[in-house]
Amino acid sequence: MRLAIDKTREGFRSGNSPFGCAIEQAGNVIATAHNTVLTTIDSTAHAEVNAIRAGCKHTGKIFLEGGIVATTCEPCPMCMSALHWARVDTVYFGATVQDAADAGFNELYIDAAQILSMGRSKVKLIGGVLADECKQLFHDWKKLPTARTY
């Protein structure tokens, strides 16, 4: 999770929003990414999607089987679905979708556990990892002159 938090702060410096993700597979970090929605003008460029893309490119495979994901915020429905389709094993998250909504982001109020349950996914989901530090990212980011929600 610390890598995801560090990546989030790196994203701050380039004018991006407060979300970061890291993926480990077979004991090796294969990807770290932050959200780039604003700088790429791409509403799908969430941290998890960017990390999946980088991880797949790194491995040369479309599946990240056995992958362990750390993401600073609970995955949105798009990201949780993408993580399922990438066949990762476990997703750890810090802040919740409600925390993101409280920070001003336009969230769908469907938590990641609901997505997994409705889709009968085998992905394991574990929340609350370094939650206070992950929530603090929203507060720190809001102080920046480049902060903009969407």
Protein backbone atom coordinates (compact mmCIF):
# COMPACT_ATOMS: atom_id res chain seq x y z
CA MET A 1 0.00 0.00 0.00
CA ARG A 2 2.90 2.33 0.66
CA LEU A 3 3.90 2.09 -3.02
CA ALA A 4 0.35 3.03 -4.03
CA ILE A 5 0.38 5.99 -1.62
CA ASP A 6 3.75 7.15 -2.96
CA LYS A 7 2.47 6.82 -6.53
CA THR A 8 -0.58 8.90 -5.62
CA ARG A 9 1.64 11.69 -4.32
CA GLU A 10 3.68 11.48 -7.53
CA GLY A 11 0.42 11.97 -9.42
CA PHE A 12 -0.31 15.11 -7.38
CA ARG A 13 2.89 16.66 -8.73
CA SER A 14 1.71 16.15 -12.31
CA GLY A 15 -1.77 17.61 -11.73
CA ASN A 16 -3.66 14.36 -11.24
CA SER A 17 -6.25 13.26 -8.70
CA PRO A 18 -5.67 11.36 -5.42
CA PHE A 19 -5.70 7.70 -6.42
CA GLY A 20 -2.83 5.22 -6.70
CA CYS A 21 -2.36 1.51 -7.25
CA ALA A 22 0.40 -1.11 -7.11
CA ILE A 23 0.33 -4.71 -8.36
CA GLU A 24 2.57 -7.53 -7.18
CA GLN A 25 2.77 -10.93 -8.84
CA ALA A 26 4.92 -13.88 -7.72
CA GLY A 27 6.74 -11.71 -5.20
CA ASN A 28 7.64 -8.95 -7.68
CA VAL A 29 6.07 -5.52 -8.12
CA ILE A 30 4.99 -5.50 -11.76
CA ALA A 31 3.19 -2.15 -11.87
CA THR A 32 2.52 1.06 -10.02
CA ALA A 33 0.26 3.74 -11.40
CA HIS A 34 -1.75 6.77 -10.43
CA ASN A 35 -4.93 8.20 -11.82
CA THR A 36 -4.37 10.21 -15.03
CA VAL A 37 -7.96 11.12 -15.93
CA LEU A 38 -7.31 14.86 -16.01
CA THR A 39 -3.95 14.92 -17.78
CA THR A 40 -4.87 12.34 -20.43
CA ILE A 41 -8.46 13.57 -20.85
CA ASP A 42 -9.58 9.95 -20.47
CA SER A 43 -12.36 9.11 -18.03
CA THR A 44 -11.18 5.46 -17.91
CA ALA A 45 -7.62 6.33 -16.83
CA HIS A 46 -8.16 5.35 -13.20
CA ALA A 47 -5.16 4.16 -11.17
CA GLU A 48 -6.27 0.53 -11.22
CA VAL A 49 -6.86 0.47 -14.98
CA ASN A 50 -3.51 2.17 -15.58
CA ALA A 51 -1.80 -0.38 -13.30
CA ILE A 52 -3.50 -3.30 -15.04
CA ARG A 53 -2.35 -1.98 -18.41
CA ALA A 54 1.22 -1.55 -17.14
CA GLY A 55 1.20 -4.97 -15.45
CA CYS A 56 -0.04 -6.71 -18.58
CA LYS A 57 2.54 -4.93 -20.69
CA HIS A 58 5.26 -5.90 -18.20
CA THR A 59 4.26 -9.58 -18.18
CA GLY A 60 3.24 -9.79 -21.83
CA LYS A 61 -0.02 -11.44 -20.76
CA ILE A 62 -3.63 -10.31 -20.57
CA PHE A 63 -4.19 -12.01 -17.22
CA LEU A 64 -2.49 -11.17 -13.94
CA GLU A 65 -3.30 -14.45 -12.20
CA GLY A 66 -2.14 -14.56 -8.61
CA GLY A 67 -1.77 -10.79 -8.61
CA ILE A 68 -2.00 -8.88 -5.36
CA VAL A 69 -3.34 -5.35 -5.75
CA ALA A 70 -3.02 -2.43 -3.33
CA THR A 71 -5.14 0.58 -4.18
CA THR A 72 -5.54 3.71 -2.12
CA CYS A 73 -9.30 3.80 -2.59
CA GLU A 74 -11.97 1.15 -2.94
CA PRO A 75 -12.25 0.31 -6.64
CA CYS A 76 -15.18 1.81 -8.51
CA PRO A 77 -17.42 -0.57 -10.49
CA MET A 78 -15.33 -0.12 -13.65
CA CYS A 79 -12.06 -0.82 -11.86
CA MET A 80 -13.40 -3.72 -9.81
CA SER A 81 -14.71 -5.32 -13.00
CA ALA A 82 -11.37 -4.76 -14.75
CA LEU A 83 -9.52 -6.33 -11.81
CA HIS A 84 -11.87 -9.32 -12.02
CA TRP A 85 -11.28 -9.66 -15.76
CA ALA A 86 -7.51 -9.38 -15.22
CA ARG A 87 -7.91 -12.37 -12.88
CA VAL A 88 -6.05 -10.90 -9.95
CA ASP A 89 -6.24 -12.86 -6.72
CA THR A 90 -6.65 -10.24 -4.00
CA VAL A 91 -7.41 -6.52 -3.84
CA TYR A 92 -6.47 -4.50 -0.76
CA PHE A 93 -7.81 -0.96 -0.43
CA GLY A 94 -7.58 1.93 2.01
CA ALA A 95 -10.22 4.66 1.66
CA THR A 96 -13.81 3.81 0.69
CA VAL A 97 -16.01 4.87 -2.19
CA GLN A 98 -17.86 7.02 0.36
CA ASP A 99 -14.60 8.78 1.23
CA ALA A 100 -14.11 9.58 -2.48
CA ALA A 101 -17.68 10.88 -2.72
CA ASP A 102 -17.14 12.99 0.41
CA ALA A 103 -14.08 14.50 -1.32
CA GLY A 104 -16.34 15.56 -4.19
CA PHE A 105 -15.92 12.80 -6.75
CA ASN A 106 -18.94 11.65 -8.77
CA GLU A 107 -19.15 8.11 -7.42
CA LEU A 108 -21.60 5.34 -8.12
CA TYR A 109 -22.74 4.14 -4.72
CA ILE A 110 -22.06 0.48 -5.43
CA ASP A 111 -19.29 -0.84 -3.27
CA ALA A 112 -16.67 -3.22 -4.62
CA ALA A 113 -17.94 -6.14 -2.53
CA GLN A 114 -21.36 -5.80 -4.20
CA ILE A 115 -19.78 -5.92 -7.65
CA LEU A 116 -17.86 -9.08 -6.75
CA SER A 117 -20.91 -10.72 -5.21
CA MET A 118 -23.26 -9.84 -8.06
CA GLY A 119 -20.72 -11.13 -10.59
CA ARG A 120 -19.86 -14.25 -8.57
CA SER A 121 -16.20 -13.27 -8.75
CA LYS A 122 -13.50 -15.19 -6.91
CA VAL A 123 -11.40 -12.06 -6.31
CA LYS A 124 -10.77 -11.53 -2.60
CA LEU A 125 -11.35 -8.00 -1.29
CA ILE A 126 -9.81 -6.62 1.89
CA GLY A 127 -10.53 -3.05 2.95
CA GLY A 128 -9.26 -0.66 5.56
CA VAL A 129 -5.53 -1.07 4.83
CA LEU A 130 -3.77 2.11 5.99
CA ALA A 131 -7.20 3.70 5.71
CA ASP A 132 -6.33 6.88 7.61
CA GLU A 133 -3.29 7.53 5.42
CA CYS A 134 -5.33 6.87 2.29
CA LYS A 135 -8.11 9.21 3.43
CA GLN A 136 -5.49 11.85 4.21
CA LEU A 137 -4.53 11.82 0.51
CA PHE A 138 -7.89 13.45 -0.28
CA HIS A 139 -7.28 16.22 2.27
CA ASP A 140 -3.71 16.86 1.11
CA TRP A 141 -4.77 16.90 -2.53
CA LYS A 142 -7.62 19.37 -1.92
CA LYS A 143 -5.06 21.92 -0.69
CA LEU A 144 -3.32 21.93 -4.08
CA PRO A 145 -4.12 24.66 -6.63
CA THR A 146 -4.54 21.95 -9.31
CA ALA A 147 -7.17 19.98 -7.34
CA ARG A 148 -10.28 19.36 -9.43
CA THR A 149 -12.93 16.70 -8.96
CA TYR A 150 -14.90 15.05 -11.71
